């Protein structure tokens, strides 16, 4: 249950992002040259995967687009 601890999650994500940067993986859509005009399709595709269902709260298209 340690993963539920907020500080642990933040440290885990920081470590993960640092690792991604170190090995050259993209960490933002900007890194993939995704244009704003393509965002609706990207968001829709992400929602279709079903992984969003594992979120502890409801997430919708508009919430993602604001990020």
PDB file of N, CA and C in Angstrom:
ATOM      1  N   UNK A   1       0.806  -1.195   0.000  1.00  0.00           N
ATOM      2  CA  UNK A   1       0.000   0.000   0.000  1.00  0.00           C
ATOM      3  C   UNK A   1       0.851   1.261   0.000  1.00  0.00           C
ATOM      4  N   UNK A   2       2.149   1.116  -0.024  1.00  0.00           N
ATOM      5  CA  UNK A   2       3.025   2.290  -0.004  1.00  0.00           C
ATOM      6  C   UNK A   2       2.791   3.181  -1.218  1.00  0.00           C
ATOM      7  N   UNK A   3       2.333   2.596  -2.329  1.00  0.00           N
ATOM      8  CA  UNK A   3       2.122   3.384  -3.538  1.00  0.00           C
ATOM      9  C   UNK A   3       1.023   4.417  -3.350  1.00  0.00           C
ATOM     10  N   UNK A   4       0.163   4.226  -2.375  1.00  0.00           N
ATOM     11  CA  UNK A   4      -0.911   5.172  -2.129  1.00  0.00           C
ATOM     12  C   UNK A   4      -0.421   6.413  -1.387  1.00  0.00           C
ATOM     13  N   UNK A   5       0.752   6.361  -0.802  1.00  0.00           N
ATOM     14  CA  UNK A   5       1.322   7.488  -0.088  1.00  0.00           C
ATOM     15  C   UNK A   5       1.713   8.575  -1.093  1.00  0.00           C
ATOM     16  N   UNK A   6       1.220   9.781  -0.891  1.00  0.00           N
ATOM     17  CA  UNK A   6       1.430  10.872  -1.847  1.00  0.00           C
ATOM     18  C   UNK A   6       2.912  11.202  -2.052  1.00  0.00           C
ATOM     19  N   UNK A   7       3.669  11.266  -0.987  1.00  0.00           N
ATOM     20  CA  UNK A   7       5.095  11.583  -1.100  1.00  0.00           C
ATOM     21  C   UNK A   7       5.820  10.503  -1.902  1.00  0.00           C
ATOM     22  N   UNK A   8       5.467   9.260  -1.656  1.00  0.00           N
ATOM     23  CA  UNK A   8       6.063   8.147  -2.395  1.00  0.00           C
ATOM     24  C   UNK A   8       5.755   8.279  -3.883  1.00  0.00           C
ATOM     25  N   UNK A   9       4.497   8.585  -4.202  1.00  0.00           N
ATOM     26  CA  UNK A   9       4.096   8.734  -5.611  1.00  0.00           C
ATOM     27  C   UNK A   9       4.873   9.840  -6.276  1.00  0.00           C
ATOM     28  N   UNK A  10       5.003  10.990  -5.598  1.00  0.00           N
ATOM     29  CA  UNK A  10       5.721  12.117  -6.179  1.00  0.00           C
ATOM     30  C   UNK A  10       7.179  11.756  -6.427  1.00  0.00           C
ATOM     31  N   UNK A  11       7.812  11.107  -5.466  1.00  0.00           N
ATOM     32  CA  UNK A  11       9.208  10.698  -5.644  1.00  0.00           C
ATOM     33  C   UNK A  11       9.337   9.675  -6.760  1.00  0.00           C
ATOM     34  N   UNK A  12       8.407   8.738  -6.818  1.00  0.00           N
ATOM     35  CA  UNK A  12       8.411   7.718  -7.864  1.00  0.00           C
ATOM     36  C   UNK A  12       8.298   8.369  -9.239  1.00  0.00           C
ATOM     37  N   UNK A  13       7.362   9.300  -9.377  1.00  0.00           N
ATOM     38  CA  UNK A  13       7.184   9.969 -10.666  1.00  0.00           C
ATOM     39  C   UNK A  13       8.393  10.808 -11.032  1.00  0.00           C
ATOM     40  N   UNK A  14       8.973  11.509 -10.061  1.00  0.00           N
ATOM     41  CA  UNK A  14      10.189  12.282 -10.327  1.00  0.00           C
ATOM     42  C   UNK A  14      11.317  11.380 -10.808  1.00  0.00           C
ATOM     43  N   UNK A  15      11.490  10.244 -10.147  1.00  0.00           N
ATOM     44  CA  UNK A  15      12.529   9.292 -10.545  1.00  0.00           C
ATOM     45  C   UNK A  15      12.265   8.739 -11.936  1.00  0.00           C
ATOM     46  N   UNK A  16      11.008   8.434 -12.213  1.00  0.00           N
ATOM     47  CA  UNK A  16      10.638   7.890 -13.510  1.00  0.00           C
ATOM     48  C   UNK A  16      10.891   8.906 -14.621  1.00  0.00           C
ATOM     49  N   UNK A  17      10.481  10.147 -14.400  1.00  0.00           N
ATOM     50  CA  UNK A  17      10.718  11.189 -15.405  1.00  0.00           C
ATOM     51  C   UNK A  17      12.202  11.430 -15.616  1.00  0.00           C
ATOM     52  N   UNK A  18      12.969  11.416 -14.556  1.00  0.00           N
ATOM     53  CA  UNK A  18      14.427  11.581 -14.680  1.00  0.00           C
ATOM     54  C   UNK A  18      15.027  10.459 -15.517  1.00  0.00           C
ATOM     55  N   UNK A  19      14.564   9.241 -15.275  1.00  0.00           N
ATOM     56  CA  UNK A  19      15.043   8.101 -16.054  1.00  0.00           C
ATOM     57  C   UNK A  19      14.665   8.237 -17.520  1.00  0.00           C
ATOM     58  N   UNK A  20      13.419   8.608 -17.802  1.00  0.00           N
ATOM     59  CA  UNK A  20      12.978   8.798 -19.181  1.00  0.00           C
ATOM     60  C   UNK A  20      13.835   9.836 -19.888  1.00  0.00           C
ATOM     61  N   UNK A  21      14.109  10.951 -19.208  1.00  0.00           N
ATOM     62  CA  UNK A  21      14.953  11.996 -19.794  1.00  0.00           C
ATOM     63  C   UNK A  21      16.360  11.474 -20.056  1.00  0.00           C
ATOM     64  N   UNK A  22      16.886  10.715 -19.108  1.00  0.00           N
ATOM     65  CA  UNK A  22      18.246  10.191 -19.214  1.00  0.00           C
ATOM     66  C   UNK A  22      18.420   9.296 -20.438  1.00  0.00           C
ATOM     67  N   UNK A  23      17.401   8.490 -20.737  1.00  0.00           N
ATOM     68  CA  UNK A  23      17.514   7.572 -21.876  1.00  0.00           C
ATOM     69  C   UNK A  23      16.898   8.143 -23.157  1.00  0.00           C
ATOM     70  N   UNK A  24      16.422   9.390 -23.075  1.00  0.00           N
ATOM     71  CA  UNK A  24      15.944  10.067 -24.275  1.00  0.00           C
ATOM     72  C   UNK A  24      14.509   9.784 -24.681  1.00  0.00           C
ATOM     73  N   UNK A  25      13.697   9.264 -23.775  1.00  0.00           N
ATOM     74  CA  UNK A  25      12.287   9.030 -24.104  1.00  0.00           C
ATOM     75  C   UNK A  25      11.514  10.346 -24.034  1.00  0.00           C
ATOM     76  N   UNK A  26      10.508  10.498 -24.875  1.00  0.00           N
ATOM     77  CA  UNK A  26       9.679  11.700 -24.792  1.00  0.00           C
ATOM     78  C   UNK A  26       8.862  11.689 -23.510  1.00  0.00           C
ATOM     79  N   UNK A  27       8.687  12.860 -22.918  1.00  0.00           N
ATOM     80  CA  UNK A  27       7.896  12.938 -21.687  1.00  0.00           C
ATOM     81  C   UNK A  27       6.702  13.876 -21.825  1.00  0.00           C
ATOM     82  N   UNK A  28       6.631  14.579 -22.942  1.00  0.00           N
ATOM     83  CA  UNK A  28       5.516  15.484 -23.211  1.00  0.00           C
ATOM     84  C   UNK A  28       5.079  15.290 -24.659  1.00  0.00           C
ATOM     85  N   UNK A  29       3.847  15.639 -24.952  1.00  0.00           N
ATOM     86  CA  UNK A  29       3.388  15.567 -26.340  1.00  0.00           C
ATOM     87  C   UNK A  29       4.212  16.486 -27.226  1.00  0.00           C
ATOM     88  N   UNK A  30       4.659  17.582 -26.648  1.00  0.00           N
ATOM     89  CA  UNK A  30       5.514  18.519 -27.385  1.00  0.00           C
ATOM     90  C   UNK A  30       6.764  17.805 -27.915  1.00  0.00           C
ATOM     91  N   UNK A  31       7.277  16.861 -27.134  1.00  0.00           N
ATOM     92  CA  UNK A  31       8.453  16.098 -27.544  1.00  0.00           C
ATOM     93  C   UNK A  31       8.172  15.211 -28.750  1.00  0.00           C
ATOM     94  N   UNK A  32       6.904  14.939 -29.008  1.00  0.00           N
ATOM     95  CA  UNK A  32       6.505  14.096 -30.134  1.00  0.00           C
ATOM     96  C   UNK A  32       6.016  14.914 -31.323  1.00  0.00           C
ATOM     97  N   UNK A  33       6.140  16.230 -31.224  1.00  0.00           N
ATOM     98  CA  UNK A  33       5.687  17.147 -32.283  1.00  0.00           C
ATOM     99  C   UNK A  33       4.204  17.007 -32.590  1.00  0.00           C
ATOM    100  N   UNK A  34       3.384  16.809 -31.575  1.00  0.00           N
ATOM    101  CA  UNK A  34       1.936  16.746 -31.737  1.00  0.00           C
ATOM    102  C   UNK A  34       1.408  18.178 -31.760  1.00  0.00           C
ATOM    103  N   UNK A  35       0.694  18.518 -32.804  1.00  0.00           N
ATOM    104  CA  UNK A  35       0.135  19.859 -32.957  1.00  0.00           C
ATOM    105  C   UNK A  35      -1.196  19.957 -32.218  1.00  0.00           C
ATOM    106  N   UNK A  36      -1.559  21.153 -31.800  1.00  0.00           N
ATOM    107  CA  UNK A  36      -2.815  21.360 -31.083  1.00  0.00           C
ATOM    108  C   UNK A  36      -4.019  20.874 -31.895  1.00  0.00           C
ATOM    109  N   UNK A  37      -3.944  20.984 -33.203  1.00  0.00           N
ATOM    110  CA  UNK A  37      -5.042  20.543 -34.057  1.00  0.00           C
ATOM    111  C   UNK A  37      -5.255  19.027 -33.962  1.00  0.00           C
ATOM    112  N   UNK A  38      -4.228  18.306 -33.548  1.00  0.00           N
ATOM    113  CA  UNK A  38      -4.303  16.854 -33.443  1.00  0.00           C
ATOM    114  C   UNK A  38      -4.726  16.380 -32.050  1.00  0.00           C
ATOM    115  N   UNK A  39      -4.808  17.288 -31.112  1.00  0.00           N
ATOM    116  CA  UNK A  39      -5.041  16.922 -29.724  1.00  0.00           C
ATOM    117  C   UNK A  39      -6.360  16.182 -29.488  1.00  0.00           C
ATOM    118  N   UNK A  40      -7.434  16.597 -30.132  1.00  0.00           N
ATOM    119  CA  UNK A  40      -8.716  15.915 -29.926  1.00  0.00           C
ATOM    120  C   UNK A  40      -8.618  14.435 -30.286  1.00  0.00           C
ATOM    121  N   UNK A  41      -7.967  14.149 -31.409  1.00  0.00           N
ATOM    122  CA  UNK A  41      -7.816  12.750 -31.821  1.00  0.00           C
ATOM    123  C   UNK A  41      -6.909  11.988 -30.866  1.00  0.00           C
ATOM    124  N   UNK A  42      -5.843  12.636 -30.399  1.00  0.00           N
ATOM    125  CA  UNK A  42      -4.922  11.990 -29.458  1.00  0.00           C
ATOM    126  C   UNK A  42      -5.643  11.685 -28.142  1.00  0.00           C
ATOM    127  N   UNK A  43      -6.399  12.658 -27.637  1.00  0.00           N
ATOM    128  CA  UNK A  43      -7.140  12.468 -26.387  1.00  0.00           C
ATOM    129  C   UNK A  43      -8.172  11.349 -26.541  1.00  0.00           C
ATOM    130  N   UNK A  44      -8.922  11.375 -27.629  1.00  0.00           N
ATOM    131  CA  UNK A  44      -9.932  10.340 -27.861  1.00  0.00           C
ATOM    132  C   UNK A  44      -9.299   8.953 -27.903  1.00  0.00           C
ATOM    133  N   UNK A  45      -8.172   8.852 -28.573  1.00  0.00           N
ATOM    134  CA  UNK A  45      -7.483   7.553 -28.671  1.00  0.00           C
ATOM    135  C   UNK A  45      -7.016   7.097 -27.290  1.00  0.00           C
ATOM    136  N   UNK A  46      -6.506   8.028 -26.495  1.00  0.00           N
ATOM    137  CA  UNK A  46      -6.076   7.693 -25.147  1.00  0.00           C
ATOM    138  C   UNK A  46      -7.215   7.208 -24.277  1.00  0.00           C
ATOM    139  N   UNK A  47      -8.362   7.840 -24.418  1.00  0.00           N
ATOM    140  CA  UNK A  47      -9.539   7.441 -23.640  1.00  0.00           C
ATOM    141  C   UNK A  47     -10.028   6.061 -24.080  1.00  0.00           C
ATOM    142  N   UNK A  48      -9.946   5.785 -25.367  1.00  0.00           N
ATOM    143  CA  UNK A  48     -10.406   4.500 -25.909  1.00  0.00           C
ATOM    144  C   UNK A  48      -9.618   3.314 -25.378  1.00  0.00           C
ATOM    145  N   UNK A  49      -8.400   3.519 -24.936  1.00  0.00           N
ATOM    146  CA  UNK A  49      -7.573   2.394 -24.472  1.00  0.00           C
ATOM    147  C   UNK A  49      -8.145   1.720 -23.241  1.00  0.00           C
ATOM    148  N   UNK A  50      -8.960   2.461 -22.479  1.00  0.00           N
ATOM    149  CA  UNK A  50      -9.563   1.893 -21.286  1.00  0.00           C
ATOM    150  C   UNK A  50      -8.700   2.049 -20.043  1.00  0.00           C
ATOM    151  N   UNK A  51      -7.453   2.445 -20.191  1.00  0.00           N
ATOM    152  CA  UNK A  51      -6.564   2.609 -19.032  1.00  0.00           C
ATOM    153  C   UNK A  51      -7.059   3.711 -18.105  1.00  0.00           C
ATOM    154  N   UNK A  52      -7.787   4.641 -18.651  1.00  0.00           N
ATOM    155  CA  UNK A  52      -8.301   5.763 -17.858  1.00  0.00           C
ATOM    156  C   UNK A  52      -9.282   5.282 -16.787  1.00  0.00           C
ATOM    157  N   UNK A  53      -9.832   4.113 -16.979  1.00  0.00           N
ATOM    158  CA  UNK A  53     -10.777   3.548 -16.016  1.00  0.00           C
ATOM    159  C   UNK A  53     -10.112   3.218 -14.683  1.00  0.00           C
ATOM    160  N   UNK A  54      -8.791   3.144 -14.649  1.00  0.00           N
ATOM    161  CA  UNK A  54      -8.064   2.817 -13.426  1.00  0.00           C
ATOM    162  C   UNK A  54      -7.817   4.043 -12.552  1.00  0.00           C
ATOM    163  N   UNK A  55      -8.268   5.199 -12.996  1.00  0.00           N
ATOM    164  CA  UNK A  55      -8.108   6.422 -12.228  1.00  0.00           C
ATOM    165  C   UNK A  55      -9.043   6.411 -11.023  1.00  0.00           C
ATOM    166  N   UNK A  56      -8.602   6.969  -9.897  1.00  0.00           N
ATOM    167  CA  UNK A  56      -9.470   6.991  -8.718  1.00  0.00           C
ATOM    168  C   UNK A  56     -10.623   7.992  -8.829  1.00  0.00           C
ATOM    169  N   UNK A  57     -10.645   8.784  -9.898  1.00  0.00           N
ATOM    170  CA  UNK A  57     -11.729   9.738 -10.118  1.00  0.00           C
ATOM    171  C   UNK A  57     -12.026   9.800 -11.611  1.00  0.00           C
ATOM    172  N   UNK A  58     -13.202  10.313 -11.949  1.00  0.00           N
ATOM    173  CA  UNK A  58     -13.602  10.406 -13.345  1.00  0.00           C
ATOM    174  C   UNK A  58     -12.732  11.414 -14.090  1.00  0.00           C
ATOM    175  N   UNK A  59     -12.303  11.023 -15.265  1.00  0.00           N
ATOM    176  CA  UNK A  59     -11.520  11.903 -16.133  1.00  0.00           C
ATOM    177  C   UNK A  59     -12.238  11.954 -17.473  1.00  0.00           C
ATOM    178  N   UNK A  60     -12.404  13.165 -17.982  1.00  0.00           N
ATOM    179  CA  UNK A  60     -13.063  13.302 -19.279  1.00  0.00           C
ATOM    180  C   UNK A  60     -12.186  14.066 -20.264  1.00  0.00           C
ATOM    181  N   UNK A  61     -12.643  14.131 -21.485  1.00  0.00           N
ATOM    182  CA  UNK A  61     -11.904  14.750 -22.579  1.00  0.00           C
ATOM    183  C   UNK A  61     -11.460  16.172 -22.250  1.00  0.00           C
ATOM    184  N   UNK A  62     -12.372  16.980 -21.724  1.00  0.00           N
ATOM    185  CA  UNK A  62     -12.060  18.381 -21.442  1.00  0.00           C
ATOM    186  C   UNK A  62     -11.000  18.525 -20.346  1.00  0.00           C
ATOM    187  N   UNK A  63     -11.033  17.652 -19.352  1.00  0.00           N
ATOM    188  CA  UNK A  63     -10.023  17.696 -18.295  1.00  0.00           C
ATOM    189  C   UNK A  63      -8.624  17.475 -18.858  1.00  0.00           C
ATOM    190  N   UNK A  64      -8.516  16.513 -19.751  1.00  0.00           N
ATOM    191  CA  UNK A  64      -7.228  16.204 -20.355  1.00  0.00           C
ATOM    192  C   UNK A  64      -6.755  17.351 -21.240  1.00  0.00           C
ATOM    193  N   UNK A  65      -7.683  17.909 -21.987  1.00  0.00           N
ATOM    194  CA  UNK A  65      -7.307  18.981 -22.921  1.00  0.00           C
ATOM    195  C   UNK A  65      -6.778  20.207 -22.177  1.00  0.00           C
ATOM    196  N   UNK A  66      -7.267  20.456 -20.972  1.00  0.00           N
ATOM    197  CA  UNK A  66      -6.805  21.612 -20.195  1.00  0.00           C
ATOM    198  C   UNK A  66      -5.365  21.440 -19.737  1.00  0.00           C
ATOM    199  N   UNK A  67      -4.892  20.202 -19.660  1.00  0.00           N
ATOM    200  CA  UNK A  67      -3.521  19.956 -19.224  1.00  0.00           C
ATOM    201  C   UNK A  67      -2.569  20.509 -20.244  1.00  0.00           C
TER     202      UNK A  67
END
